C-alpha atoms as a PDB file:
ATOM      1  CA  UNK A   1      82.530 129.392 -56.162  1.00  0.00           C
ATOM      2  CA  UNK A   2      80.255 131.338 -53.920  1.00  0.00           C
ATOM      3  CA  UNK A   3      77.042 133.226 -55.287  1.00  0.00           C
ATOM      4  CA  UNK A   4      75.077 135.545 -52.610  1.00  0.00           C
ATOM      5  CA  UNK A   5      71.749 136.883 -52.554  1.00  0.00           C
ATOM      6  CA  UNK A   6      70.847 140.927 -51.118  1.00  0.00           C
ATOM      7  CA  UNK A   7      67.209 140.726 -50.198  1.00  0.00           C
ATOM      8  CA  UNK A   8      65.853 143.635 -48.858  1.00  0.00           C
ATOM      9  CA  UNK A   9      63.303 143.187 -46.374  1.00  0.00           C
ATOM     10  CA  UNK A  10      61.220 146.412 -44.775  1.00  0.00           C
ATOM     11  CA  UNK A  11      60.778 145.878 -40.909  1.00  0.00           C
ATOM     12  CA  UNK A  12      57.828 147.057 -38.791  1.00  0.00           C
ATOM     13  CA  UNK A  13      58.879 147.623 -34.631  1.00  0.00           C
ATOM     14  CA  UNK A  14      56.336 146.060 -32.388  1.00  0.00           C
ATOM     15  CA  UNK A  15      56.282 146.311 -28.456  1.00  0.00           C
ATOM     16  CA  UNK A  16      53.993 142.819 -27.205  1.00  0.00           C
ATOM     17  CA  UNK A  17      50.952 144.460 -25.309  1.00  0.00           C
ATOM     18  CA  UNK A  18      51.514 142.235 -22.889  1.00  0.00           C
ATOM     19  CA  UNK A  19      55.487 142.069 -21.861  1.00  0.00           C
ATOM     20  CA  UNK A  20      56.595 145.801 -23.524  1.00  0.00           C
ATOM     21  CA  UNK A  21      59.433 143.543 -25.420  1.00  0.00           C
ATOM     22  CA  UNK A  22      60.002 145.335 -28.704  1.00  0.00           C
ATOM     23  CA  UNK A  23      60.448 142.639 -31.710  1.00  0.00           C
ATOM     24  CA  UNK A  24      60.278 143.043 -35.845  1.00  0.00           C
ATOM     25  CA  UNK A  25      58.699 141.612 -38.342  1.00  0.00           C
ATOM     26  CA  UNK A  26      57.598 141.661 -41.876  1.00  0.00           C
ATOM     27  CA  UNK A  27      55.905 144.638 -43.110  1.00  0.00           C
ATOM     28  CA  UNK A  28      54.881 142.304 -45.297  1.00  0.00           C
ATOM     29  CA  UNK A  29      53.866 140.174 -42.633  1.00  0.00           C
ATOM     30  CA  UNK A  30      52.029 142.787 -41.225  1.00  0.00           C
ATOM     31  CA  UNK A  31      50.173 143.904 -43.924  1.00  0.00           C
ATOM     32  CA  UNK A  32      48.401 139.743 -43.951  1.00  0.00           C
ATOM     33  CA  UNK A  33      48.434 139.815 -40.404  1.00  0.00           C
ATOM     34  CA  UNK A  34      45.736 143.880 -40.184  1.00  0.00           C
ATOM     35  CA  UNK A  35      43.881 141.688 -42.918  1.00  0.00           C
ATOM     36  CA  UNK A  36      43.573 137.956 -42.201  1.00  0.00           C
ATOM     37  CA  UNK A  37      43.322 138.673 -38.477  1.00  0.00           C
ATOM     38  CA  UNK A  38      45.551 135.666 -37.528  1.00  0.00           C
ATOM     39  CA  UNK A  39      47.475 135.573 -34.072  1.00  0.00           C
ATOM     40  CA  UNK A  40      51.253 136.164 -34.546  1.00  0.00           C
ATOM     41  CA  UNK A  41      53.659 135.682 -31.314  1.00  0.00           C
ATOM     42  CA  UNK A  42      56.242 138.155 -30.335  1.00  0.00           C
ATOM     43  CA  UNK A  43      59.656 136.016 -29.049  1.00  0.00           C
ATOM     44  CA  UNK A  44      58.616 135.307 -25.397  1.00  0.00           C
ATOM     45  CA  UNK A  45      55.700 133.667 -27.135  1.00  0.00           C
ATOM     46  CA  UNK A  46      52.671 135.693 -26.048  1.00  0.00           C
ATOM     47  CA  UNK A  47      50.171 136.078 -28.802  1.00  0.00           C
ATOM     48  CA  UNK A  48      49.437 139.008 -30.528  1.00  0.00           C
ATOM     49  CA  UNK A  49      46.328 140.222 -32.809  1.00  0.00           C
ATOM     50  CA  UNK A  50      45.645 142.740 -34.677  1.00  0.00           C
ATOM     51  CA  UNK A  51      41.623 142.796 -32.928  1.00  0.00           C
ATOM     52  CA  UNK A  52      39.020 144.892 -36.109  1.00  0.00           C
ATOM     53  CA  UNK A  53      40.462 148.812 -37.168  1.00  0.00           C
ATOM     54  CA  UNK A  54      37.800 151.428 -36.620  1.00  0.00           C
ATOM     55  CA  UNK A  55      38.469 152.445 -40.305  1.00  0.00           C
ATOM     56  CA  UNK A  56      36.826 148.613 -40.683  1.00  0.00           C
ATOM     57  CA  UNK A  57      34.108 149.088 -38.455  1.00  0.00           C
ATOM     58  CA  UNK A  58      33.565 152.746 -39.738  1.00  0.00           C
ATOM     59  CA  UNK A  59      33.239 150.789 -43.291  1.00  0.00           C
ATOM     60  CA  UNK A  60      30.941 147.239 -41.880  1.00  0.00           C
ATOM     61  CA  UNK A  61      28.315 150.258 -40.479  1.00  0.00           C
ATOM     62  CA  UNK A  62      28.725 152.082 -43.446  1.00  0.00           C
ATOM     63  CA  UNK A  63      28.213 148.721 -46.215  1.00  0.00           C
ATOM     64  CA  UNK A  64      25.059 147.953 -43.271  1.00  0.00           C
ATOM     65  CA  UNK A  65      23.680 151.444 -43.377  1.00  0.00           C
ATOM     66  CA  UNK A  66      23.750 150.833 -47.696  1.00  0.00           C
ATOM     67  CA  UNK A  67      22.407 147.728 -47.094  1.00  0.00           C
ATOM     68  CA  UNK A  68      19.684 149.031 -44.745  1.00  0.00           C
ATOM     69  CA  UNK A  69      18.980 151.304 -47.522  1.00  0.00           C
ATOM     70  CA  UNK A  70      18.313 148.664 -49.683  1.00  0.00           C
ATOM     71  CA  UNK A  71      16.124 146.875 -47.998  1.00  0.00           C
ATOM     72  CA  UNK A  72      13.630 150.198 -47.428  1.00  0.00           C
ATOM     73  CA  UNK A  73      13.822 150.936 -51.355  1.00  0.00           C
ATOM     74  CA  UNK A  74      12.905 147.733 -52.019  1.00  0.00           C
ATOM     75  CA  UNK A  75       9.988 147.441 -48.813  1.00  0.00           C
ATOM     76  CA  UNK A  76       8.367 150.357 -50.531  1.00  0.00           C
ATOM     77  CA  UNK A  77       8.729 149.327 -54.217  1.00  0.00           C
ATOM     78  CA  UNK A  78       6.385 146.021 -52.498  1.00  0.00           C
ATOM     79  CA  UNK A  79       4.460 148.782 -50.731  1.00  0.00           C
ATOM     80  CA  UNK A  80       3.564 150.394 -53.884  1.00  0.00           C
ATOM     81  CA  UNK A  81       2.767 147.690 -55.403  1.00  0.00           C
ATOM     82  CA  UNK A  82       0.818 146.054 -52.927  1.00  0.00           C
ATOM     83  CA  UNK A  83      -1.432 149.677 -52.435  1.00  0.00           C
ATOM     84  CA  UNK A  84      -1.972 149.168 -56.822  1.00  0.00           C
ATOM     85  CA  UNK A  85      -3.116 145.872 -56.420  1.00  0.00           C
ATOM     86  CA  UNK A  86      -5.514 147.295 -53.798  1.00  0.00           C
ATOM     87  CA  UNK A  87      -6.098 150.119 -55.358  1.00  0.00           C
ATOM     88  CA  UNK A  88      -7.455 148.008 -58.492  1.00  0.00           C
ATOM     89  CA  UNK A  89      -9.161 145.537 -56.168  1.00  0.00           C
ATOM     90  CA  UNK A  90     -11.583 148.364 -53.938  1.00  0.00           C
ATOM     91  CA  UNK A  91     -12.205 149.131 -57.729  1.00  0.00           C
ATOM     92  CA  UNK A  92     -13.213 145.721 -59.431  1.00  0.00           C
ATOM     93  CA  UNK A  93     -15.696 145.360 -55.723  1.00  0.00           C
ATOM     94  CA  UNK A  94     -17.033 149.112 -56.864  1.00  0.00           C
ATOM     95  CA  UNK A  95     -18.132 147.963 -60.057  1.00  0.00           C
ATOM     96  CA  UNK A  96     -19.249 145.015 -59.146  1.00  0.00           C
ATOM     97  CA  UNK A  97     -21.861 145.726 -56.526  1.00  0.00           C
ATOM     98  CA  UNK A  98     -22.489 148.613 -58.901  1.00  0.00           C
ATOM     99  CA  UNK A  99     -23.630 146.818 -61.629  1.00  0.00           C
ATOM    100  CA  UNK A 100     -25.051 143.570 -58.878  1.00  0.00           C
ATOM    101  CA  UNK A 101     -27.836 147.101 -57.574  1.00  0.00           C
ATOM    102  CA  UNK A 102     -28.352 147.900 -61.016  1.00  0.00           C
ATOM    103  CA  UNK A 103     -30.035 144.465 -61.329  1.00  0.00           C
ATOM    104  CA  UNK A 104     -31.380 143.991 -58.075  1.00  0.00           C
ATOM    105  CA  UNK A 105     -32.651 147.626 -59.137  1.00  0.00           C
ATOM    106  CA  UNK A 106     -34.537 146.615 -62.423  1.00  0.00           C
ATOM    107  CA  UNK A 107     -36.511 143.677 -60.893  1.00  0.00           C
ATOM    108  CA  UNK A 108     -33.155 141.019 -61.510  1.00  0.00           C
ATOM    109  CA  UNK A 109     -32.481 138.425 -59.349  1.00  0.00           C
ATOM    110  CA  UNK A 110     -29.285 137.747 -57.909  1.00  0.00           C
ATOM    111  CA  UNK A 111     -29.434 134.443 -57.207  1.00  0.00           C
ATOM    112  CA  UNK A 112     -31.452 132.898 -60.520  1.00  0.00           C
ATOM    113  CA  UNK A 113     -30.504 135.989 -62.592  1.00  0.00           C
ATOM    114  CA  UNK A 114     -34.683 135.601 -63.182  1.00  0.00           C
ATOM    115  CA  UNK A 115     -36.760 138.957 -63.578  1.00  0.00           C
ATOM    116  CA  UNK A 116     -39.234 139.559 -61.047  1.00  0.00           C
ATOM    117  CA  UNK A 117     -41.745 142.385 -61.878  1.00  0.00           C
ATOM    118  CA  UNK A 118     -42.927 143.461 -58.093  1.00  0.00           C
ATOM    119  CA  UNK A 119     -39.228 143.501 -56.854  1.00  0.00           C
ATOM    120  CA  UNK A 120     -39.335 146.382 -59.760  1.00  0.00           C
ATOM    121  CA  UNK A 121     -42.392 147.997 -58.356  1.00  0.00           C
ATOM    122  CA  UNK A 122     -41.524 147.380 -53.911  1.00  0.00           C
ATOM    123  CA  UNK A 123     -38.183 148.616 -54.868  1.00  0.00           C
ATOM    124  CA  UNK A 124     -39.823 151.577 -56.850  1.00  0.00           C
ATOM    125  CA  UNK A 125     -41.865 151.921 -53.868  1.00  0.00           C
ATOM    126  CA  UNK A 126     -41.324 151.785 -51.040  1.00  0.00           C
ATOM    127  CA  UNK A 127     -37.040 152.488 -51.454  1.00  0.00           C
ATOM    128  CA  UNK A 128     -36.793 154.363 -53.694  1.00  0.00           C
ATOM    129  CA  UNK A 129     -33.213 155.476 -52.152  1.00  0.00           C
ATOM    130  CA  UNK A 130     -32.156 152.508 -53.315  1.00  0.00           C
ATOM    131  CA  UNK A 131     -32.920 152.977 -57.497  1.00  0.00           C
ATOM    132  CA  UNK A 132     -31.560 156.535 -57.272  1.00  0.00           C
ATOM    133  CA  UNK A 133     -28.243 155.749 -55.531  1.00  0.00           C
ATOM    134  CA  UNK A 134     -27.435 154.278 -58.188  1.00  0.00           C
ATOM    135  CA  UNK A 135     -28.344 156.694 -61.184  1.00  0.00           C
ATOM    136  CA  UNK A 136     -25.936 158.706 -58.807  1.00  0.00           C
END
């Protein structure tokens, strides 16, 4: 009993880059070698490799550019948050400074929190701008 098997294989014509011999390999193998970059050989034993194509180079550049855009957007968000944090910190420091200045102008010691009338009088007579500056 005879059994015959028929398979259609599409071949791709290739010219060796070193010896210029023309040979054919299955198209599926060509696609696999383009994808994985593995070496295949001409009939004379010369290694053949599909280097990175221009299309792949452009895809890689595009991917890298998209990553850079993402990094820049993340950095922009981080800087905006840092700026907001610094604004809050500055406002809090100004407020604390204003409270301290007002307490001192009213004759309260910033260390022991006791009130001294002579400090209040001294500031009122000798440094009125200190007290007036607080009213604005």
